[in-house]
Amino acid sequence: MTTTSATDALEPMLCFAVYSAQRQIGQIYRELLAPWGLSYTQYLVLIALWTDGGLAVGRLGELLGLDSGTLSPLLKRLEARGVLTRVRSATDERVVTVSLTDAGRRLRDELADVPRCFGERLGITQQFADGLREQLKALSEHAAPGKD
């Protein structure tokens, strides 16, 4: 009778490799963002707003793949910190626009080194990162609902 260890069972699974990488990447970002008291998801919100300026909450959710139940409390915490504002549209009360405050815009300079530090922590080249990102994008597209 052959005995298989848990490691032998998990090692060949793509889903486990992705899960393990995600956990490790999350830990690196927790450490890098800790001095600012930001979560990785909050950091992504800031990046989207630094790039596009004001965004409707719905659009922000689409960009980040977050539902309103996850995004709204996150935005509320950032607003309480004075990093962003949420303003309901005067013409359509269903639309809430999120914009950075001056403090939120200043964070862009403070956090500018995070991507480089992340790359250094991973110990990979830019070429490897670019290739991996393309592979992961393709994987996500194939896994998207409605794909056969």
C-alpha atoms as a PDB file:
ATOM      1  CA  MET A   1       0.000   0.000   0.000  1.00  0.00           C
ATOM      2  CA  THR A   2       1.371   3.402  -1.036  1.00  0.00           C
ATOM      3  CA  THR A   3       0.974   6.298   1.348  1.00  0.00           C
ATOM      4  CA  THR A   4       0.638   9.809  -0.031  1.00  0.00           C
ATOM      5  CA  SER A   5       1.475  12.743   2.189  1.00  0.00           C
ATOM      6  CA  ALA A   6      -0.595  15.905   2.248  1.00  0.00           C
ATOM      7  CA  THR A   7       2.327  17.698   0.627  1.00  0.00           C
ATOM      8  CA  ASP A   8       2.317  15.197  -2.235  1.00  0.00           C
ATOM      9  CA  ALA A   9      -1.414  15.716  -2.672  1.00  0.00           C
ATOM     10  CA  LEU A  10      -1.324  19.529  -2.551  1.00  0.00           C
ATOM     11  CA  GLU A  11       1.918  20.189  -4.441  1.00  0.00           C
ATOM     12  CA  PRO A  12       0.597  19.493  -7.982  1.00  0.00           C
ATOM     13  CA  MET A  13      -2.615  21.513  -7.505  1.00  0.00           C
ATOM     14  CA  LEU A  14      -2.663  24.807  -9.401  1.00  0.00           C
ATOM     15  CA  CYS A  15      -5.313  26.193  -7.053  1.00  0.00           C
ATOM     16  CA  PHE A  16      -3.073  25.550  -4.044  1.00  0.00           C
ATOM     17  CA  ALA A  17      -0.083  27.229  -5.721  1.00  0.00           C
ATOM     18  CA  VAL A  18      -2.204  30.314  -6.480  1.00  0.00           C
ATOM     19  CA  TYR A  19      -3.616  30.314  -2.941  1.00  0.00           C
ATOM     20  CA  SER A  20      -0.145  30.024  -1.371  1.00  0.00           C
ATOM     21  CA  ALA A  21       1.254  32.804  -3.544  1.00  0.00           C
ATOM     22  CA  GLN A  22      -1.706  35.051  -2.715  1.00  0.00           C
ATOM     23  CA  ARG A  23      -1.184  34.527   1.014  1.00  0.00           C
ATOM     24  CA  GLN A  24       2.525  35.324   0.788  1.00  0.00           C
ATOM     25  CA  ILE A  25       1.913  38.380  -1.386  1.00  0.00           C
ATOM     26  CA  GLY A  26      -0.722  39.576   1.081  1.00  0.00           C
ATOM     27  CA  GLN A  27       1.778  39.254   3.915  1.00  0.00           C
ATOM     28  CA  ILE A  28       4.384  41.286   2.034  1.00  0.00           C
ATOM     29  CA  TYR A  29       1.851  44.058   1.378  1.00  0.00           C
ATOM     30  CA  ARG A  30       0.701  44.026   5.027  1.00  0.00           C
ATOM     31  CA  GLU A  31       4.305  44.651   6.064  1.00  0.00           C
ATOM     32  CA  LEU A  32       4.965  47.299   3.406  1.00  0.00           C
ATOM     33  CA  LEU A  33       1.743  49.221   4.082  1.00  0.00           C
ATOM     34  CA  ALA A  34       1.783  48.905   7.888  1.00  0.00           C
ATOM     35  CA  PRO A  35       3.541  52.268   8.459  1.00  0.00           C
ATOM     36  CA  TRP A  36       0.535  53.977   6.842  1.00  0.00           C
ATOM     37  CA  GLY A  37      -2.071  51.751   8.481  1.00  0.00           C
ATOM     38  CA  LEU A  38      -3.415  50.717   5.085  1.00  0.00           C
ATOM     39  CA  SER A  39      -4.722  47.389   3.891  1.00  0.00           C
ATOM     40  CA  TYR A  40      -3.869  46.104   0.438  1.00  0.00           C
ATOM     41  CA  THR A  41      -7.430  46.753  -0.738  1.00  0.00           C
ATOM     42  CA  GLN A  42      -7.305  50.321   0.559  1.00  0.00           C
ATOM     43  CA  TYR A  43      -4.023  50.750  -1.315  1.00  0.00           C
ATOM     44  CA  LEU A  44      -5.731  49.564  -4.524  1.00  0.00           C
ATOM     45  CA  VAL A  45      -8.529  52.098  -3.993  1.00  0.00           C
ATOM     46  CA  LEU A  46      -5.931  54.848  -3.661  1.00  0.00           C
ATOM     47  CA  ILE A  47      -4.147  53.731  -6.835  1.00  0.00           C
ATOM     48  CA  ALA A  48      -7.413  53.812  -8.781  1.00  0.00           C
ATOM     49  CA  LEU A  49      -8.224  57.284  -7.468  1.00  0.00           C
ATOM     50  CA  TRP A  50      -4.703  58.620  -8.070  1.00  0.00           C
ATOM     51  CA  THR A  51      -5.076  57.503 -11.660  1.00  0.00           C
ATOM     52  CA  ASP A  52      -8.679  58.431 -12.461  1.00  0.00           C
ATOM     53  CA  GLY A  53      -9.487  61.137  -9.926  1.00  0.00           C
ATOM     54  CA  GLY A  54     -13.094  60.923  -8.806  1.00  0.00           C
ATOM     55  CA  LEU A  55     -14.887  57.648  -9.459  1.00  0.00           C
ATOM     56  CA  ALA A  56     -18.416  56.459  -8.851  1.00  0.00           C
ATOM     57  CA  VAL A  57     -18.532  53.787  -6.153  1.00  0.00           C
ATOM     58  CA  GLY A  58     -20.048  51.352  -8.660  1.00  0.00           C
ATOM     59  CA  ARG A  59     -17.197  51.884 -11.128  1.00  0.00           C
ATOM     60  CA  LEU A  60     -14.615  51.530  -8.368  1.00  0.00           C
ATOM     61  CA  GLY A  61     -16.221  48.243  -7.354  1.00  0.00           C
ATOM     62  CA  GLU A  62     -16.085  47.025 -10.960  1.00  0.00           C
ATOM     63  CA  LEU A  63     -12.411  47.952 -11.300  1.00  0.00           C
ATOM     64  CA  LEU A  64     -11.423  46.165  -8.087  1.00  0.00           C
ATOM     65  CA  GLY A  65     -13.867  43.278  -8.303  1.00  0.00           C
ATOM     66  CA  LEU A  66     -15.506  44.245  -5.005  1.00  0.00           C
ATOM     67  CA  ASP A  67     -19.189  44.289  -4.107  1.00  0.00           C
ATOM     68  CA  SER A  68     -20.729  47.232  -2.271  1.00  0.00           C
ATOM     69  CA  GLY A  69     -20.864  45.260   0.986  1.00  0.00           C
ATOM     70  CA  THR A  70     -17.071  45.068   0.963  1.00  0.00           C
ATOM     71  CA  LEU A  71     -16.297  48.405  -0.652  1.00  0.00           C
ATOM     72  CA  SER A  72     -18.596  50.701   1.358  1.00  0.00           C
ATOM     73  CA  PRO A  73     -17.070  49.981   4.804  1.00  0.00           C
ATOM     74  CA  LEU A  74     -13.581  50.262   3.328  1.00  0.00           C
ATOM     75  CA  LEU A  75     -14.403  53.675   1.840  1.00  0.00           C
ATOM     76  CA  LYS A  76     -16.021  54.754   5.095  1.00  0.00           C
ATOM     77  CA  ARG A  77     -12.789  53.973   6.991  1.00  0.00           C
ATOM     78  CA  LEU A  78     -10.690  55.905   4.450  1.00  0.00           C
ATOM     79  CA  GLU A  79     -13.103  58.823   4.640  1.00  0.00           C
ATOM     80  CA  ALA A  80     -12.880  58.818   8.459  1.00  0.00           C
ATOM     81  CA  ARG A  81      -9.094  59.072   8.104  1.00  0.00           C
ATOM     82  CA  GLY A  82      -9.492  62.136   5.898  1.00  0.00           C
ATOM     83  CA  VAL A  83      -8.049  60.447   2.809  1.00  0.00           C
ATOM     84  CA  LEU A  84     -11.129  60.673   0.594  1.00  0.00           C
ATOM     85  CA  THR A  85     -14.638  62.053   0.385  1.00  0.00           C
ATOM     86  CA  ARG A  86     -17.865  60.461  -0.773  1.00  0.00           C
ATOM     87  CA  VAL A  87     -20.460  62.737  -2.347  1.00  0.00           C
ATOM     88  CA  ARG A  88     -23.930  61.696  -3.463  1.00  0.00           C
ATOM     89  CA  SER A  89     -24.948  63.021  -6.884  1.00  0.00           C
ATOM     90  CA  ALA A  90     -27.480  65.848  -6.825  1.00  0.00           C
ATOM     91  CA  THR A  91     -29.116  64.503  -9.992  1.00  0.00           C
ATOM     92  CA  ASP A  92     -29.141  60.789  -9.132  1.00  0.00           C
ATOM     93  CA  GLU A  93     -29.087  59.825  -5.451  1.00  0.00           C
ATOM     94  CA  ARG A  94     -28.015  56.284  -6.349  1.00  0.00           C
ATOM     95  CA  VAL A  95     -24.638  57.563  -7.552  1.00  0.00           C
ATOM     96  CA  VAL A  96     -21.911  58.284  -5.007  1.00  0.00           C
ATOM     97  CA  THR A  97     -18.624  59.717  -6.249  1.00  0.00           C
ATOM     98  CA  VAL A  98     -15.401  59.069  -4.370  1.00  0.00           C
ATOM     99  CA  SER A  99     -12.603  61.650  -4.570  1.00  0.00           C
ATOM    100  CA  LEU A 100      -9.269  62.095  -2.848  1.00  0.00           C
ATOM    101  CA  THR A 101      -8.611  64.839  -0.347  1.00  0.00           C
ATOM    102  CA  ASP A 102      -5.300  66.695  -0.296  1.00  0.00           C
ATOM    103  CA  ALA A 103      -4.103  64.164   2.304  1.00  0.00           C
ATOM    104  CA  GLY A 104      -5.056  61.314  -0.040  1.00  0.00           C
ATOM    105  CA  ARG A 105      -3.184  62.915  -2.918  1.00  0.00           C
ATOM    106  CA  ARG A 106      -0.091  63.387  -0.728  1.00  0.00           C
ATOM    107  CA  LEU A 107      -0.068  59.659   0.020  1.00  0.00           C
ATOM    108  CA  ARG A 108       0.829  59.056  -3.627  1.00  0.00           C
ATOM    109  CA  ASP A 109       4.334  60.411  -3.050  1.00  0.00           C
ATOM    110  CA  GLU A 110       4.674  58.667   0.294  1.00  0.00           C
ATOM    111  CA  LEU A 111       3.712  55.291  -1.193  1.00  0.00           C
ATOM    112  CA  ALA A 112       5.567  55.696  -4.498  1.00  0.00           C
ATOM    113  CA  ASP A 113       8.299  53.255  -3.461  1.00  0.00           C
ATOM    114  CA  VAL A 114       5.939  50.399  -2.523  1.00  0.00           C
ATOM    115  CA  PRO A 115       5.985  48.691  -5.959  1.00  0.00           C
ATOM    116  CA  ARG A 116       9.802  48.694  -6.045  1.00  0.00           C
ATOM    117  CA  CYS A 117      10.015  47.372  -2.486  1.00  0.00           C
ATOM    118  CA  PHE A 118       7.471  44.685  -3.355  1.00  0.00           C
ATOM    119  CA  GLY A 119       9.546  43.582  -6.345  1.00  0.00           C
ATOM    120  CA  GLU A 120      12.680  43.468  -4.226  1.00  0.00           C
ATOM    121  CA  ARG A 121      10.941  41.380  -1.576  1.00  0.00           C
ATOM    122  CA  LEU A 122       9.856  38.889  -4.239  1.00  0.00           C
ATOM    123  CA  GLY A 123      13.355  38.798  -5.694  1.00  0.00           C
ATOM    124  CA  ILE A 124      12.141  38.688  -9.295  1.00  0.00           C
ATOM    125  CA  THR A 125      13.036  40.648 -12.400  1.00  0.00           C
ATOM    126  CA  GLN A 126      10.682  43.058 -14.113  1.00  0.00           C
ATOM    127  CA  GLN A 127      10.646  40.729 -17.123  1.00  0.00           C
ATOM    128  CA  PHE A 128       9.544  37.790 -14.958  1.00  0.00           C
ATOM    129  CA  ALA A 129       6.880  39.955 -13.261  1.00  0.00           C
ATOM    130  CA  ASP A 130       5.537  41.130 -16.632  1.00  0.00           C
ATOM    131  CA  GLY A 131       5.301  37.560 -17.955  1.00  0.00           C
ATOM    132  CA  LEU A 132       3.653  36.286 -14.793  1.00  0.00           C
ATOM    133  CA  ARG A 133       1.142  39.146 -14.819  1.00  0.00           C
ATOM    134  CA  GLU A 134       0.165  38.283 -18.401  1.00  0.00           C
ATOM    135  CA  GLN A 135      -0.246  34.616 -17.488  1.00  0.00           C
ATOM    136  CA  LEU A 136      -2.390  35.480 -14.461  1.00  0.00           C
ATOM    137  CA  LYS A 137      -4.538  37.847 -16.533  1.00  0.00           C
ATOM    138  CA  ALA A 138      -5.120  35.036 -19.040  1.00  0.00           C
ATOM    139  CA  LEU A 139      -5.936  32.627 -16.198  1.00  0.00           C
ATOM    140  CA  SER A 140      -8.447  35.114 -14.757  1.00  0.00           C
ATOM    141  CA  GLU A 141     -10.068  35.598 -18.150  1.00  0.00           C
ATOM    142  CA  HIS A 142     -10.466  31.842 -18.586  1.00  0.00           C
ATOM    143  CA  ALA A 143     -11.897  31.497 -15.081  1.00  0.00           C
ATOM    144  CA  ALA A 144     -14.383  34.359 -15.506  1.00  0.00           C
ATOM    145  CA  PRO A 145     -18.075  33.476 -15.233  1.00  0.00           C
ATOM    146  CA  GLY A 146     -19.635  32.669 -18.565  1.00  0.00           C
ATOM    147  CA  LYS A 147     -16.463  31.155 -20.014  1.00  0.00           C
ATOM    148  CA  ASP A 148     -16.802  27.673 -21.438  1.00  0.00           C
END
